[in-house]
Every structure is written in structure tokens, then in C-alpha cells.
Amino acid sequence: MAKISASYELMLVLSIAKGEEAVQSTWAKFKELIEKNAELGEVDEWGKRKLAYPINYETEAYYIVAQFTSAPEFPAELDRILNITDGVLRSMITVTE
């Protein structure tokens, strides 16, 4: 039986309150998790941007957009881990065509 997979896009908004090293280590952790469970595609680091509205009293954050292909079960687990990780202000995983 062939393994069914779909394409996804992860939009990640990371806190810059603890500095650039914390941002990079947080992203490295998620990048490793994605590479272990999925096929990581294009990664677009937007860098530091001003937020439309303050989140946890922060007005700027670090944005990353990553494409990946995985089995349908993985995005739910990735989302669960994103939601309990310090330093992640917002995240969104969408299915892409």
C-alpha cells in the first residue's frame, strides 16, 4: 500500500524577546522535527517584522514560512508541539495544492 502524503505550508511567528539565538534554536528544533517526519521543501525566512497588533506585549517577531510534504497525521502532531513551545507566538499549518 502506498503511503499517502499531502503538501502543507507552515507559517511560524517566533518571539524575539530572548534574542536571535533563541529564535534560531527554536527554528532548528522544528526544522529537525519536520525533516524527521516529512519532506521539507522551500523555507522562506522573512526575518524580523512589525506585528499588526501586540502579542504578549511584543510588537515585533521573526517570521518563517516553510513548505513540507508529509502523511496526513503529522501536521496535527506538529501543531500540538508548536502550541506548547515557549517562544512561538503564532503558527498556522495549511494544506497547499
N, C-alpha and C. Protein backbone atom coordinates (compact mmCIF):
# COMPACT_ATOMS: atom_id res chain seq x y z
N MET A 1 0.84 -1.19 0.00
CA MET A 1 0.00 0.00 0.00
C MET A 1 0.88 1.25 0.00
N ALA A 2 0.61 2.17 -0.89
CA ALA A 2 1.40 3.40 -1.00
C ALA A 2 1.08 4.34 0.16
N LYS A 3 2.11 5.03 0.60
CA LYS A 3 1.94 5.99 1.69
C LYS A 3 1.33 7.28 1.12
N ILE A 4 0.18 7.66 1.64
CA ILE A 4 -0.50 8.86 1.16
C ILE A 4 0.15 10.08 1.81
N SER A 5 0.45 11.08 0.98
CA SER A 5 1.04 12.30 1.54
C SER A 5 0.39 13.52 0.91
N ALA A 6 0.50 14.64 1.60
CA ALA A 6 -0.06 15.89 1.13
C ALA A 6 0.96 17.00 1.35
N SER A 7 0.76 18.11 0.65
CA SER A 7 1.66 19.26 0.79
C SER A 7 1.07 20.26 1.77
N TYR A 8 1.93 20.80 2.61
CA TYR A 8 1.49 21.75 3.64
C TYR A 8 2.41 22.96 3.66
N GLU A 9 1.89 24.05 4.23
CA GLU A 9 2.69 25.24 4.45
C GLU A 9 2.57 25.62 5.92
N LEU A 10 3.71 25.86 6.54
CA LEU A 10 3.77 26.28 7.94
C LEU A 10 4.16 27.74 8.01
N MET A 11 3.33 28.54 8.66
CA MET A 11 3.65 29.94 8.91
C MET A 11 3.97 30.02 10.40
N LEU A 12 5.17 30.46 10.72
CA LEU A 12 5.64 30.47 12.09
C LEU A 12 6.04 31.89 12.50
N VAL A 13 5.50 32.35 13.62
CA VAL A 13 5.82 33.68 14.15
C VAL A 13 6.49 33.45 15.51
N LEU A 14 7.79 33.74 15.56
CA LEU A 14 8.58 33.46 16.77
C LEU A 14 8.90 34.73 17.54
N SER A 15 8.92 34.62 18.86
CA SER A 15 9.25 35.74 19.74
C SER A 15 10.73 36.09 19.59
N ILE A 16 11.03 37.39 19.58
CA ILE A 16 12.42 37.83 19.54
C ILE A 16 12.87 38.39 20.89
N ALA A 17 12.03 38.20 21.92
CA ALA A 17 12.31 38.75 23.25
C ALA A 17 13.59 38.18 23.85
N LYS A 18 13.89 36.91 23.58
CA LYS A 18 15.08 36.28 24.16
C LYS A 18 16.29 36.31 23.22
N GLY A 19 16.18 37.06 22.14
CA GLY A 19 17.32 37.24 21.25
C GLY A 19 17.33 36.34 20.03
N GLU A 20 18.26 36.66 19.13
CA GLU A 20 18.40 35.96 17.85
C GLU A 20 18.76 34.48 18.03
N GLU A 21 19.59 34.17 19.02
CA GLU A 21 20.00 32.78 19.24
C GLU A 21 18.81 31.91 19.63
N ALA A 22 17.92 32.44 20.45
CA ALA A 22 16.71 31.70 20.86
C ALA A 22 15.82 31.44 19.66
N VAL A 23 15.70 32.43 18.77
CA VAL A 23 14.90 32.27 17.55
C VAL A 23 15.48 31.16 16.69
N GLN A 24 16.80 31.21 16.47
CA GLN A 24 17.44 30.21 15.62
C GLN A 24 17.38 28.80 16.22
N SER A 25 17.54 28.69 17.54
CA SER A 25 17.49 27.35 18.16
C SER A 25 16.06 26.79 18.13
N THR A 26 15.06 27.66 18.30
CA THR A 26 13.67 27.21 18.21
C THR A 26 13.36 26.73 16.80
N TRP A 27 13.79 27.52 15.80
CA TRP A 27 13.55 27.12 14.41
C TRP A 27 14.30 25.83 14.08
N ALA A 28 15.53 25.69 14.57
CA ALA A 28 16.32 24.48 14.31
C ALA A 28 15.62 23.24 14.86
N LYS A 29 15.00 23.39 16.03
CA LYS A 29 14.27 22.28 16.65
C LYS A 29 13.10 21.84 15.77
N PHE A 30 12.33 22.81 15.26
CA PHE A 30 11.18 22.47 14.42
C PHE A 30 11.61 21.97 13.05
N LYS A 31 12.69 22.53 12.53
CA LYS A 31 13.21 22.08 11.23
C LYS A 31 13.62 20.61 11.32
N GLU A 32 14.28 20.25 12.40
CA GLU A 32 14.71 18.87 12.63
C GLU A 32 13.49 17.94 12.76
N LEU A 33 12.48 18.39 13.49
CA LEU A 33 11.25 17.60 13.66
C LEU A 33 10.56 17.37 12.31
N ILE A 34 10.48 18.43 11.49
CA ILE A 34 9.85 18.31 10.18
C ILE A 34 10.66 17.36 9.29
N GLU A 35 11.99 17.51 9.28
CA GLU A 35 12.84 16.67 8.43
C GLU A 35 12.77 15.20 8.85
N LYS A 36 12.53 14.94 10.14
CA LYS A 36 12.44 13.57 10.64
C LYS A 36 11.12 12.90 10.22
N ASN A 37 10.04 13.70 10.14
CA ASN A 37 8.70 13.15 9.89
C ASN A 37 8.11 13.49 8.53
N ALA A 38 8.78 14.34 7.77
CA ALA A 38 8.24 14.80 6.49
C ALA A 38 9.38 15.18 5.56
N GLU A 39 9.01 15.59 4.37
CA GLU A 39 10.00 16.07 3.41
C GLU A 39 9.90 17.59 3.38
N LEU A 40 10.95 18.25 3.88
CA LEU A 40 10.97 19.72 3.94
C LEU A 40 11.26 20.29 2.57
N GLY A 41 10.43 21.22 2.16
CA GLY A 41 10.62 21.87 0.86
C GLY A 41 11.26 23.23 1.06
N GLU A 42 10.70 24.21 0.37
CA GLU A 42 11.24 25.58 0.41
C GLU A 42 11.00 26.22 1.78
N VAL A 43 12.03 26.89 2.28
CA VAL A 43 11.92 27.63 3.54
C VAL A 43 12.21 29.10 3.23
N ASP A 44 11.28 29.96 3.60
CA ASP A 44 11.42 31.39 3.34
C ASP A 44 11.44 32.13 4.68
N GLU A 45 12.63 32.57 5.08
CA GLU A 45 12.74 33.33 6.34
C GLU A 45 12.52 34.80 6.04
N TRP A 46 11.39 35.32 6.49
CA TRP A 46 11.07 36.73 6.29
C TRP A 46 11.85 37.62 7.24
N GLY A 47 12.30 37.05 8.33
CA GLY A 47 13.07 37.82 9.30
C GLY A 47 12.19 38.59 10.26
N LYS A 48 12.78 39.63 10.85
CA LYS A 48 12.08 40.42 11.87
C LYS A 48 11.10 41.38 11.19
N ARG A 49 9.85 41.31 11.64
CA ARG A 49 8.80 42.18 11.10
C ARG A 49 7.98 42.75 12.24
N LYS A 50 7.36 43.89 11.97
CA LYS A 50 6.46 44.51 12.94
C LYS A 50 5.13 43.76 12.91
N LEU A 51 4.58 43.48 14.09
CA LEU A 51 3.29 42.81 14.19
C LEU A 51 2.15 43.81 13.96
N ALA A 52 1.05 43.32 13.43
CA ALA A 52 -0.12 44.18 13.20
C ALA A 52 -0.70 44.65 14.53
N TYR A 53 -0.56 43.83 15.56
CA TYR A 53 -1.03 44.16 16.90
C TYR A 53 -0.13 43.44 17.90
N PRO A 54 0.03 44.00 19.11
CA PRO A 54 0.92 43.35 20.09
C PRO A 54 0.42 41.96 20.49
N ILE A 55 1.35 41.02 20.59
CA ILE A 55 1.06 39.67 21.09
C ILE A 55 1.96 39.49 22.31
N ASN A 56 1.37 39.23 23.45
CA ASN A 56 2.13 39.10 24.71
C ASN A 56 3.06 40.30 24.93
N TYR A 57 2.55 41.49 24.65
CA TYR A 57 3.28 42.76 24.81
C TYR A 57 4.46 42.91 23.85
N GLU A 58 4.56 42.07 22.85
CA GLU A 58 5.63 42.20 21.85
C GLU A 58 5.07 42.84 20.59
N THR A 59 5.86 43.74 20.00
CA THR A 59 5.41 44.45 18.80
C THR A 59 6.15 44.00 17.55
N GLU A 60 7.23 43.21 17.72
CA GLU A 60 7.97 42.66 16.58
C GLU A 60 8.17 41.17 16.79
N ALA A 61 8.31 40.44 15.69
CA ALA A 61 8.53 38.99 15.77
C ALA A 61 9.31 38.54 14.54
N TYR A 62 9.75 37.30 14.58
CA TYR A 62 10.52 36.70 13.49
C TYR A 62 9.60 35.75 12.73
N TYR A 63 9.48 35.98 11.42
CA TYR A 63 8.57 35.20 10.59
C TYR A 63 9.32 34.17 9.75
N ILE A 64 8.76 32.95 9.67
CA ILE A 64 9.30 31.89 8.82
C ILE A 64 8.13 31.20 8.14
N VAL A 65 8.27 30.97 6.83
CA VAL A 65 7.28 30.22 6.07
C VAL A 65 8.01 29.00 5.49
N ALA A 66 7.48 27.80 5.77
CA ALA A 66 8.13 26.57 5.29
C ALA A 66 7.12 25.66 4.61
N GLN A 67 7.53 25.08 3.49
CA GLN A 67 6.70 24.11 2.77
C GLN A 67 7.18 22.72 3.17
N PHE A 68 6.25 21.78 3.33
CA PHE A 68 6.65 20.39 3.57
C PHE A 68 5.58 19.43 3.07
N THR A 69 6.00 18.20 2.81
CA THR A 69 5.11 17.14 2.37
C THR A 69 5.18 16.03 3.40
N SER A 70 4.01 15.58 3.86
CA SER A 70 4.01 14.54 4.89
C SER A 70 2.72 13.73 4.84
N ALA A 71 2.70 12.70 5.67
CA ALA A 71 1.47 11.92 5.87
C ALA A 71 0.47 12.82 6.59
N PRO A 72 -0.82 12.58 6.41
CA PRO A 72 -1.85 13.45 6.99
C PRO A 72 -1.85 13.54 8.52
N GLU A 73 -1.23 12.57 9.21
CA GLU A 73 -1.24 12.58 10.68
C GLU A 73 -0.23 13.57 11.26
N PHE A 74 0.86 13.85 10.53
CA PHE A 74 1.95 14.66 11.09
C PHE A 74 1.58 16.11 11.40
N PRO A 75 0.87 16.84 10.53
CA PRO A 75 0.57 18.25 10.85
C PRO A 75 -0.14 18.46 12.19
N ALA A 76 -1.01 17.55 12.57
CA ALA A 76 -1.72 17.68 13.86
C ALA A 76 -0.73 17.57 15.02
N GLU A 77 0.22 16.65 14.92
CA GLU A 77 1.24 16.49 15.96
C GLU A 77 2.17 17.71 15.98
N LEU A 78 2.55 18.19 14.81
CA LEU A 78 3.40 19.39 14.73
C LEU A 78 2.69 20.59 15.37
N ASP A 79 1.41 20.74 15.08
CA ASP A 79 0.62 21.84 15.64
C ASP A 79 0.54 21.74 17.16
N ARG A 80 0.37 20.52 17.67
CA ARG A 80 0.31 20.31 19.12
C ARG A 80 1.62 20.76 19.77
N ILE A 81 2.74 20.38 19.17
CA ILE A 81 4.05 20.75 19.72
C ILE A 81 4.29 22.26 19.62
N LEU A 82 3.88 22.86 18.51
CA LEU A 82 4.01 24.31 18.34
C LEU A 82 3.25 25.06 19.43
N ASN A 83 2.05 24.57 19.76
CA ASN A 83 1.20 25.24 20.75
C ASN A 83 1.74 25.18 22.17
N ILE A 84 2.61 24.22 22.47
CA ILE A 84 3.13 24.11 23.84
C ILE A 84 4.58 24.56 23.95
N THR A 85 5.13 25.14 22.88
CA THR A 85 6.53 25.56 22.88
C THR A 85 6.65 27.04 23.21
N ASP A 86 7.48 27.36 24.21
CA ASP A 86 7.77 28.75 24.53
C ASP A 86 8.49 29.39 23.35
N GLY A 87 8.16 30.65 23.08
CA GLY A 87 8.83 31.36 22.01
C GLY A 87 8.04 31.36 20.71
N VAL A 88 7.00 30.53 20.62
CA VAL A 88 6.15 30.53 19.43
C VAL A 88 4.95 31.42 19.73
N LEU A 89 4.88 32.57 19.06
CA LEU A 89 3.76 33.49 19.29
C LEU A 89 2.52 33.03 18.54
N ARG A 90 2.69 32.68 17.26
CA ARG A 90 1.59 32.20 16.43
C ARG A 90 2.14 31.19 15.44
N SER A 91 1.26 30.26 15.04
CA SER A 91 1.62 29.33 13.97
C SER A 91 0.36 28.92 13.25
N MET A 92 0.53 28.58 11.97
CA MET A 92 -0.61 28.13 11.19
C MET A 92 -0.11 27.15 10.14
N ILE A 93 -0.79 26.01 10.06
CA ILE A 93 -0.44 25.00 9.07
C ILE A 93 -1.62 24.89 8.11
N THR A 94 -1.34 25.08 6.82
CA THR A 94 -2.40 24.99 5.80
C THR A 94 -2.03 23.94 4.76
N VAL A 95 -3.05 23.35 4.15
CA VAL A 95 -2.84 22.40 3.06
C VAL A 95 -2.67 23.20 1.78
N THR A 96 -1.65 22.84 0.98
CA THR A 96 -1.43 23.53 -0.29
C THR A 96 -1.69 22.55 -1.43
N GLU A 97 -1.97 23.08 -2.57
CA GLU A 97 -2.23 22.23 -3.76
C GLU A 97 -0.93 21.82 -4.41
